[in-house]
Amino acid sequence: MSQQFRELLQKVGSGQHTHQDLTRPEAALAARLMLTGEATPAQIGAFLIAHRIKRPTGQELAGMLDTYDEFGQRLAPLPPEAPNPLVFGVPYDGRSRTAPVLPLVALLLAVMGQPVILHGADTMPTKYGLPLVDIWAALGLDFRALALTEIQSLLQETHLTFYYTPRHFLATLPLTEYREQIGKRPPLATLELIWSPYAGPARLVIGYVHPPTEKMIHEAFQARGTSPYTLVKGLEGSCDLRLSQTTIVALPPSQPTDYLKLDPYASNMAGPDCVLTQAEDYYQALRQLLYEPDSAPLALRQAFLWNGGFYLWHAGLCTNLQQGLELARQSLQQGALRQKWQQLQSRIPIS
């Protein structure tokens, strides 16, 4: 048993009226003791559920991020002349109701020379949704066996890469089992959203659901001096914008416009959100969008254009949203996404 961890557990788990928040160094220590296994399983399980009930603070998240940076392998910075990457943070337990378009948006951004880093793991509790790594594998791009040097080369040569956490951040693997056993997402799930596997300057784009999460992330990033970043109240906590209603996008509070309200009706892009039914049907629809975009399901095509147009604009690759929508449409019709996908296939060994 770790006596140090016991003292930290007593602070966060003392009850509604007597619990105490951890300082940033204490939270960093708690994360270190969990990642190294110095805390016992009983201590870790108790801490994760107590911390969820108490709710983490921004300072606590900042401290845990400090430890994640220390223990996780990270991609090296790109050359100074390269654009800063977009690092997308989406829930590791995946999507179960709506069809993700982020992989195709990532291809689009890479076509335009914008580096993109995605990260994630396999099917995970508590949602057991469709993870990004499975979507890529279904498209013939299996990132799971790649070494860190290989995903680094992909980023430099193709402007797109995927950081597979179970291979490159092994210390987090034992903590996955606790999600199954406690039956709830622990605060570590928020860490996965906001941790960057890239060691250089980047813009983090992070999906979230609940307003308290937005506040925590702002506070954590302010404590760590993280900027720029973008928080997207997207579908199922992802970075995907809705077609069915306005999506709220939050920027750092120091910026003149703290919020963007992206209304698909104002851009004639509104419609039903693309439903995720059978995974194989969804994979087939993605392939149609790459090879025969006009025959692909309308909702998926619309979702790609709406998201692609926004992220092109948000990354500074065009001057306004309407221009972004047109660039996304042209890239799709002219086969540029398919060519980028084929470029990636030529560089990833078949497992």
Protein backbone atom coordinates (compact mmCIF):
# COMPACT_ATOMS: atom_id res chain seq x y z
CA MET A 1 0.00 0.00 0.00
CA SER A 2 1.18 3.53 -0.78
CA GLN A 3 0.92 5.76 2.27
CA GLN A 4 1.33 8.82 0.06
CA PHE A 5 -1.61 7.77 -2.09
CA ARG A 6 -3.66 6.95 1.00
CA GLU A 7 -3.29 10.55 2.16
CA LEU A 8 -4.35 11.88 -1.24
CA LEU A 9 -7.33 9.52 -1.28
CA GLN A 10 -8.39 10.74 2.15
CA LYS A 11 -8.46 14.30 0.85
CA VAL A 12 -10.71 13.68 -2.17
CA GLY A 13 -12.83 10.94 -0.58
CA SER A 14 -13.80 12.45 2.76
CA GLY A 15 -17.37 13.27 1.82
CA GLN A 16 -19.46 16.10 0.41
CA HIS A 17 -18.68 18.64 3.15
CA THR A 18 -15.16 17.70 4.23
CA HIS A 19 -13.35 16.72 1.02
CA GLN A 20 -10.48 18.87 -0.20
CA ASP A 21 -9.22 19.60 -3.69
CA LEU A 22 -5.70 18.49 -4.51
CA THR A 23 -3.02 20.99 -5.35
CA ARG A 24 -1.41 20.73 -8.76
CA PRO A 25 1.69 18.93 -7.36
CA GLU A 26 -0.53 16.56 -5.36
CA ALA A 27 -2.58 15.70 -8.44
CA ALA A 28 0.63 15.10 -10.39
CA LEU A 29 1.77 12.75 -7.63
CA ALA A 30 -1.56 10.90 -7.63
CA ALA A 31 -1.30 10.32 -11.38
CA ARG A 32 2.29 9.14 -11.02
CA LEU A 33 1.42 6.63 -8.28
CA MET A 34 -1.40 5.23 -10.43
CA LEU A 35 0.66 5.00 -13.62
CA THR A 36 3.57 3.29 -11.85
CA GLY A 37 1.31 0.88 -9.95
CA GLU A 38 2.64 2.00 -6.58
CA ALA A 39 -0.95 2.60 -5.50
CA THR A 40 -2.85 -0.64 -4.91
CA PRO A 41 -5.89 -1.63 -7.00
CA ALA A 42 -8.17 -0.92 -4.04
CA GLN A 43 -6.67 2.55 -3.66
CA ILE A 44 -6.88 3.34 -7.37
CA GLY A 45 -10.50 2.22 -7.69
CA ALA A 46 -11.51 4.18 -4.60
CA PHE A 47 -9.68 7.27 -5.85
CA LEU A 48 -11.22 7.19 -9.31
CA ILE A 49 -14.80 6.96 -8.08
CA ALA A 50 -14.24 9.46 -5.26
CA HIS A 51 -12.61 11.89 -7.67
CA ARG A 52 -15.53 11.53 -10.07
CA ILE A 53 -18.06 12.22 -7.30
CA LYS A 54 -16.09 15.23 -6.05
CA ARG A 55 -15.42 16.39 -9.63
CA PRO A 56 -11.89 17.33 -10.66
CA THR A 57 -10.69 20.91 -10.69
CA GLY A 58 -8.68 22.61 -13.39
CA GLN A 59 -5.61 22.62 -11.14
CA GLU A 60 -5.95 18.88 -10.59
CA LEU A 61 -6.23 18.24 -14.32
CA ALA A 62 -3.18 20.45 -14.89
CA GLY A 63 -1.17 18.39 -12.40
CA MET A 64 -2.23 15.11 -13.96
CA LEU A 65 -1.33 16.44 -17.40
CA ASP A 66 2.14 17.26 -16.05
CA THR A 67 2.58 13.59 -15.18
CA TYR A 68 1.13 12.38 -18.47
CA ASP A 69 3.67 14.54 -20.29
CA GLU A 70 6.41 12.97 -18.18
CA PHE A 71 5.39 9.33 -18.76
CA GLY A 72 3.93 9.28 -22.27
CA GLN A 73 6.06 9.02 -25.39
CA ARG A 74 5.37 12.06 -27.55
CA LEU A 75 5.85 13.00 -31.16
CA ALA A 76 8.73 15.36 -31.81
CA PRO A 77 8.05 18.91 -33.05
CA LEU A 78 7.87 19.44 -36.78
CA PRO A 79 10.39 21.74 -38.48
CA PRO A 80 9.85 25.44 -37.68
CA GLU A 81 8.60 26.20 -41.18
CA ALA A 82 5.77 23.65 -40.91
CA PRO A 83 2.30 24.73 -39.76
CA ASN A 84 1.45 23.85 -36.18
CA PRO A 85 -0.61 20.64 -36.08
CA LEU A 86 -4.23 20.30 -35.10
CA VAL A 87 -4.46 17.69 -32.33
CA PHE A 88 -8.00 16.32 -32.04
CA GLY A 89 -9.17 14.98 -28.68
CA VAL A 90 -12.28 12.79 -28.78
CA PRO A 91 -13.64 10.26 -26.25
CA TYR A 92 -11.63 7.06 -26.28
CA ASP A 93 -14.78 5.00 -25.70
CA GLY A 94 -16.01 5.96 -29.14
CA ARG A 95 -19.33 6.66 -30.82
CA SER A 96 -22.45 4.48 -30.67
CA ARG A 97 -25.31 6.59 -32.09
CA THR A 98 -23.94 8.87 -34.81
CA ALA A 99 -21.45 8.27 -37.62
CA PRO A 100 -18.04 9.95 -37.20
CA VAL A 101 -16.70 12.09 -40.04
CA LEU A 102 -13.46 13.15 -38.34
CA PRO A 103 -11.28 10.63 -40.27
CA LEU A 104 -12.40 12.12 -43.59
CA VAL A 105 -12.03 15.66 -42.26
CA ALA A 106 -8.49 14.76 -41.20
CA LEU A 107 -7.77 13.58 -44.75
CA LEU A 108 -9.15 16.86 -46.11
CA LEU A 109 -6.97 18.97 -43.81
CA ALA A 110 -3.92 16.89 -44.75
CA VAL A 111 -4.70 17.44 -48.45
CA MET A 112 -4.46 21.17 -47.78
CA GLY A 113 -1.09 20.80 -46.03
CA GLN A 114 -2.44 21.15 -42.50
CA PRO A 115 -0.78 18.61 -40.15
CA VAL A 116 -3.30 16.57 -38.13
CA ILE A 117 -2.72 14.28 -35.15
CA LEU A 118 -5.41 11.91 -33.90
CA HIS A 119 -5.03 9.64 -30.90
CA GLY A 120 -6.97 6.91 -29.19
CA ALA A 121 -7.26 3.28 -28.14
CA ASP A 122 -9.33 0.17 -28.82
CA THR A 123 -12.96 -0.46 -27.89
CA MET A 124 -13.21 0.72 -24.31
CA PRO A 125 -15.64 0.83 -21.37
CA THR A 126 -18.02 2.25 -20.47
CA LYS A 127 -19.59 3.09 -23.80
CA TYR A 128 -17.93 0.44 -26.00
CA GLY A 129 -18.50 2.70 -28.98
CA LEU A 130 -16.71 2.63 -32.32
CA PRO A 131 -13.14 3.90 -31.80
CA LEU A 132 -11.20 5.85 -34.40
CA VAL A 133 -8.51 3.19 -34.72
CA ASP A 134 -11.12 0.65 -35.90
CA ILE A 135 -12.45 3.08 -38.49
CA TRP A 136 -8.98 3.60 -39.92
CA ALA A 137 -8.33 -0.15 -39.94
CA ALA A 138 -11.58 -0.74 -41.84
CA LEU A 139 -10.28 1.71 -44.46
CA GLY A 140 -7.08 -0.29 -44.79
CA LEU A 141 -4.99 2.00 -42.59
CA ASP A 142 -3.94 0.03 -39.51
CA PHE A 143 -1.89 2.31 -37.27
CA ARG A 144 -1.74 -0.14 -34.36
CA ALA A 145 1.54 -1.85 -35.27
CA LEU A 146 3.47 1.31 -36.14
CA ALA A 147 6.43 2.41 -34.06
CA LEU A 148 6.68 5.98 -32.85
CA THR A 149 9.30 6.72 -35.50
CA GLU A 150 6.89 5.49 -38.18
CA ILE A 151 3.98 7.65 -37.06
CA GLN A 152 6.41 10.56 -36.81
CA SER A 153 7.44 10.01 -40.44
CA LEU A 154 3.79 9.82 -41.52
CA LEU A 155 3.14 13.18 -39.91
CA GLN A 156 6.06 14.77 -41.71
CA GLU A 157 5.47 13.13 -45.11
CA THR A 158 1.67 13.02 -45.34
CA HIS A 159 0.55 15.63 -42.75
CA LEU A 160 -1.61 13.03 -40.96
CA THR A 161 -0.90 10.49 -38.26
CA PHE A 162 -2.56 8.46 -35.52
CA TYR A 163 -1.02 7.94 -32.08
CA TYR A 164 -2.14 4.55 -30.73
CA THR A 165 -2.10 4.90 -26.96
CA PRO A 166 -1.91 1.18 -26.01
CA ARG A 167 1.40 0.94 -27.89
CA HIS A 168 2.97 4.31 -27.18
CA PHE A 169 1.70 5.05 -23.66
CA LEU A 170 1.80 1.62 -22.03
CA ALA A 171 1.48 2.94 -18.48
CA THR A 172 -2.17 3.83 -19.11
CA LEU A 173 -3.19 0.29 -20.10
CA PRO A 174 -3.73 -1.13 -16.57
CA LEU A 175 -6.07 1.76 -15.75
CA THR A 176 -8.52 0.78 -18.50
CA GLU A 177 -9.82 -2.18 -16.48
CA TYR A 178 -11.02 0.15 -13.73
CA ARG A 179 -13.58 1.69 -16.08
CA GLU A 180 -15.24 -1.69 -16.46
CA GLN A 181 -15.18 -2.39 -12.75
CA ILE A 182 -16.52 0.96 -11.52
CA GLY A 183 -18.99 1.26 -14.42
CA LYS A 184 -18.41 4.97 -14.94
CA ARG A 185 -16.02 7.19 -16.84
CA PRO A 186 -13.38 8.36 -14.36
CA PRO A 187 -11.76 11.81 -14.62
CA LEU A 188 -8.94 10.09 -16.52
CA ALA A 189 -11.34 10.13 -19.50
CA THR A 190 -11.12 13.93 -19.46
CA LEU A 191 -7.33 13.70 -19.38
CA GLU A 192 -7.41 11.63 -22.56
CA LEU A 193 -9.34 14.39 -24.29
CA ILE A 194 -6.97 17.17 -23.34
CA TRP A 195 -3.57 15.45 -23.32
CA SER A 196 -1.47 16.07 -26.41
CA PRO A 197 0.86 13.34 -27.73
CA TYR A 198 2.79 16.07 -29.55
CA ALA A 199 5.72 17.82 -27.86
CA GLY A 200 5.64 21.01 -29.94
CA PRO A 201 3.25 23.94 -30.31
CA ALA A 202 -0.16 22.90 -31.61
CA ARG A 203 -3.84 23.81 -31.53
CA LEU A 204 -5.81 21.30 -29.48
CA VAL A 205 -9.36 20.70 -30.71
CA ILE A 206 -11.36 18.95 -27.99
CA GLY A 207 -14.87 17.56 -27.91
CA TYR A 208 -16.97 17.81 -24.77
CA VAL A 209 -20.56 17.45 -23.56
CA HIS A 210 -21.13 19.09 -20.18
CA PRO A 211 -20.60 22.80 -19.37
CA PRO A 212 -18.65 21.98 -16.16
CA THR A 213 -16.12 20.12 -18.33
CA GLU A 214 -15.61 23.25 -20.40
CA LYS A 215 -14.84 25.27 -17.26
CA MET A 216 -12.38 22.66 -15.99
CA ILE A 217 -10.52 22.56 -19.28
CA HIS A 218 -10.26 26.36 -19.44
CA GLU A 219 -8.81 26.39 -15.92
CA ALA A 220 -6.37 23.55 -16.62
CA PHE A 221 -5.09 25.16 -19.80
CA GLN A 222 -4.80 28.56 -18.16
CA ALA A 223 -2.70 27.00 -15.38
CA ARG A 224 -0.41 25.32 -17.91
CA GLY A 225 -0.27 28.23 -20.34
CA THR A 226 -1.82 26.13 -23.11
CA SER A 227 -2.94 28.10 -26.15
CA PRO A 228 -4.42 28.10 -28.70
CA TYR A 229 -7.19 25.55 -28.28
CA THR A 230 -10.79 24.99 -29.35
CA LEU A 231 -13.57 23.24 -27.43
CA VAL A 232 -16.39 21.75 -29.51
CA LYS A 233 -19.70 20.73 -27.94
CA GLY A 234 -20.07 18.13 -30.67
CA LEU A 235 -21.93 14.91 -31.35
CA GLU A 236 -21.55 12.46 -28.47
CA GLY A 237 -18.74 14.55 -27.02
CA SER A 238 -16.73 14.43 -30.24
CA CYS A 239 -15.38 17.25 -32.41
CA ASP A 240 -18.04 16.61 -35.09
CA LEU A 241 -20.48 19.47 -35.70
CA ARG A 242 -24.20 18.76 -35.78
CA LEU A 243 -26.32 19.03 -38.90
CA SER A 244 -29.54 19.05 -36.87
CA GLN A 245 -28.88 22.11 -34.70
CA THR A 246 -26.37 24.82 -33.82
CA THR A 247 -23.04 23.61 -32.42
CA ILE A 248 -21.33 25.65 -29.73
CA VAL A 249 -17.57 26.14 -30.13
CA ALA A 250 -15.69 27.66 -27.19
CA LEU A 251 -12.38 29.49 -27.56
CA PRO A 252 -9.96 30.59 -24.81
CA PRO A 253 -11.65 33.25 -22.65
CA SER A 254 -8.91 35.76 -23.46
CA GLN A 255 -9.96 35.90 -27.11
CA PRO A 256 -12.30 38.70 -28.30
CA THR A 257 -14.96 36.18 -29.35
CA ASP A 258 -15.23 33.49 -26.70
CA TYR A 259 -17.88 31.45 -28.52
CA LEU A 260 -18.78 30.57 -32.08
CA LYS A 261 -22.31 29.41 -32.82
CA LEU A 262 -22.28 27.31 -35.96
CA ASP A 263 -25.77 27.19 -37.41
CA PRO A 264 -26.10 24.72 -40.31
CA TYR A 265 -29.42 26.31 -41.31
CA ALA A 266 -27.70 29.64 -42.01
CA SER A 267 -25.37 27.90 -44.48
CA ASN A 268 -28.01 25.66 -46.10
CA MET A 269 -26.29 22.61 -44.63
CA ALA A 270 -28.94 21.50 -42.14
CA GLY A 271 -30.39 18.01 -42.05
CA PRO A 272 -30.61 14.91 -39.87
CA ASP A 273 -27.40 13.77 -38.24
CA CYS A 274 -26.00 10.63 -39.81
CA VAL A 275 -27.08 7.64 -37.73
CA LEU A 276 -24.60 4.87 -36.91
CA THR A 277 -26.32 1.51 -37.36
CA GLN A 278 -24.14 -1.41 -38.42
CA ALA A 279 -20.40 -0.75 -38.50
CA GLU A 280 -19.98 -2.49 -41.86
CA ASP A 281 -22.67 -0.30 -43.44
CA TYR A 282 -20.89 2.76 -42.13
CA TYR A 283 -17.52 1.58 -43.45
CA GLN A 284 -19.08 0.98 -46.86
CA ALA A 285 -20.53 4.49 -46.82
CA LEU A 286 -17.07 5.93 -46.07
CA ARG A 287 -15.62 4.06 -49.03
CA GLN A 288 -18.42 5.35 -51.25
CA LEU A 289 -17.64 8.87 -50.14
CA LEU A 290 -14.01 8.37 -51.15
CA TYR A 291 -14.67 6.67 -54.51
CA GLU A 292 -18.20 7.67 -55.57
CA PRO A 293 -19.20 10.69 -53.47
CA ASP A 294 -22.47 11.28 -55.32
CA SER A 295 -23.70 7.78 -54.38
CA ALA A 296 -22.78 8.07 -50.70
CA PRO A 297 -25.56 8.62 -48.11
CA LEU A 298 -26.64 12.26 -48.16
CA ALA A 299 -26.38 12.75 -44.39
CA LEU A 300 -22.79 11.50 -44.32
CA ARG A 301 -21.82 13.65 -47.31
CA GLN A 302 -23.45 16.71 -45.75
CA ALA A 303 -21.76 16.05 -42.42
CA PHE A 304 -18.38 15.83 -44.13
CA LEU A 305 -18.88 19.08 -46.04
CA TRP A 306 -20.17 20.97 -42.98
CA ASN A 307 -17.35 19.79 -40.75
CA GLY A 308 -14.68 19.99 -43.44
CA GLY A 309 -15.67 23.52 -44.38
CA PHE A 310 -15.57 24.70 -40.79
CA TYR A 311 -12.21 23.14 -39.96
CA LEU A 312 -10.61 24.48 -43.14
CA TRP A 313 -11.77 27.94 -42.14
CA HIS A 314 -10.85 27.47 -38.47
CA ALA A 315 -7.34 26.33 -39.43
CA GLY A 316 -6.86 29.51 -41.48
CA LEU A 317 -6.80 27.70 -44.82
CA CYS A 318 -9.50 29.93 -46.28
CA THR A 319 -10.99 33.32 -45.49
CA ASN A 320 -14.55 32.38 -44.52
CA LEU A 321 -16.87 29.46 -43.85
CA GLN A 322 -18.52 29.52 -47.28
CA GLN A 323 -15.15 29.30 -48.98
CA GLY A 324 -14.30 26.38 -46.71
CA LEU A 325 -17.49 24.57 -47.74
CA GLU A 326 -16.63 25.04 -51.40
CA LEU A 327 -13.05 23.82 -50.90
CA ALA A 328 -14.35 20.72 -49.12
CA ARG A 329 -16.78 20.05 -51.97
CA GLN A 330 -14.09 20.46 -54.63
CA SER A 331 -11.63 18.20 -52.78
CA LEU A 332 -14.25 15.49 -52.52
CA GLN A 333 -15.40 15.66 -56.15
CA GLN A 334 -11.87 15.86 -57.57
CA GLY A 335 -10.68 12.78 -55.66
CA ALA A 336 -8.12 14.60 -53.51
CA LEU A 337 -9.22 12.74 -50.37
CA ARG A 338 -8.89 9.40 -52.12
CA GLN A 339 -5.38 10.30 -53.27
CA LYS A 340 -4.35 11.23 -49.73
CA TRP A 341 -5.83 7.97 -48.44
CA GLN A 342 -3.86 6.03 -51.08
CA GLN A 343 -0.69 7.90 -50.14
CA LEU A 344 -1.15 6.78 -46.53
CA GLN A 345 -1.84 3.21 -47.63
CA SER A 346 1.41 3.13 -49.55
CA ARG A 347 3.33 4.00 -46.38
CA ILE A 348 1.59 1.74 -43.84
CA PRO A 349 2.62 -1.93 -43.92
CA ILE A 350 -0.24 -4.41 -44.28
CA SER A 351 -0.59 -6.30 -41.01
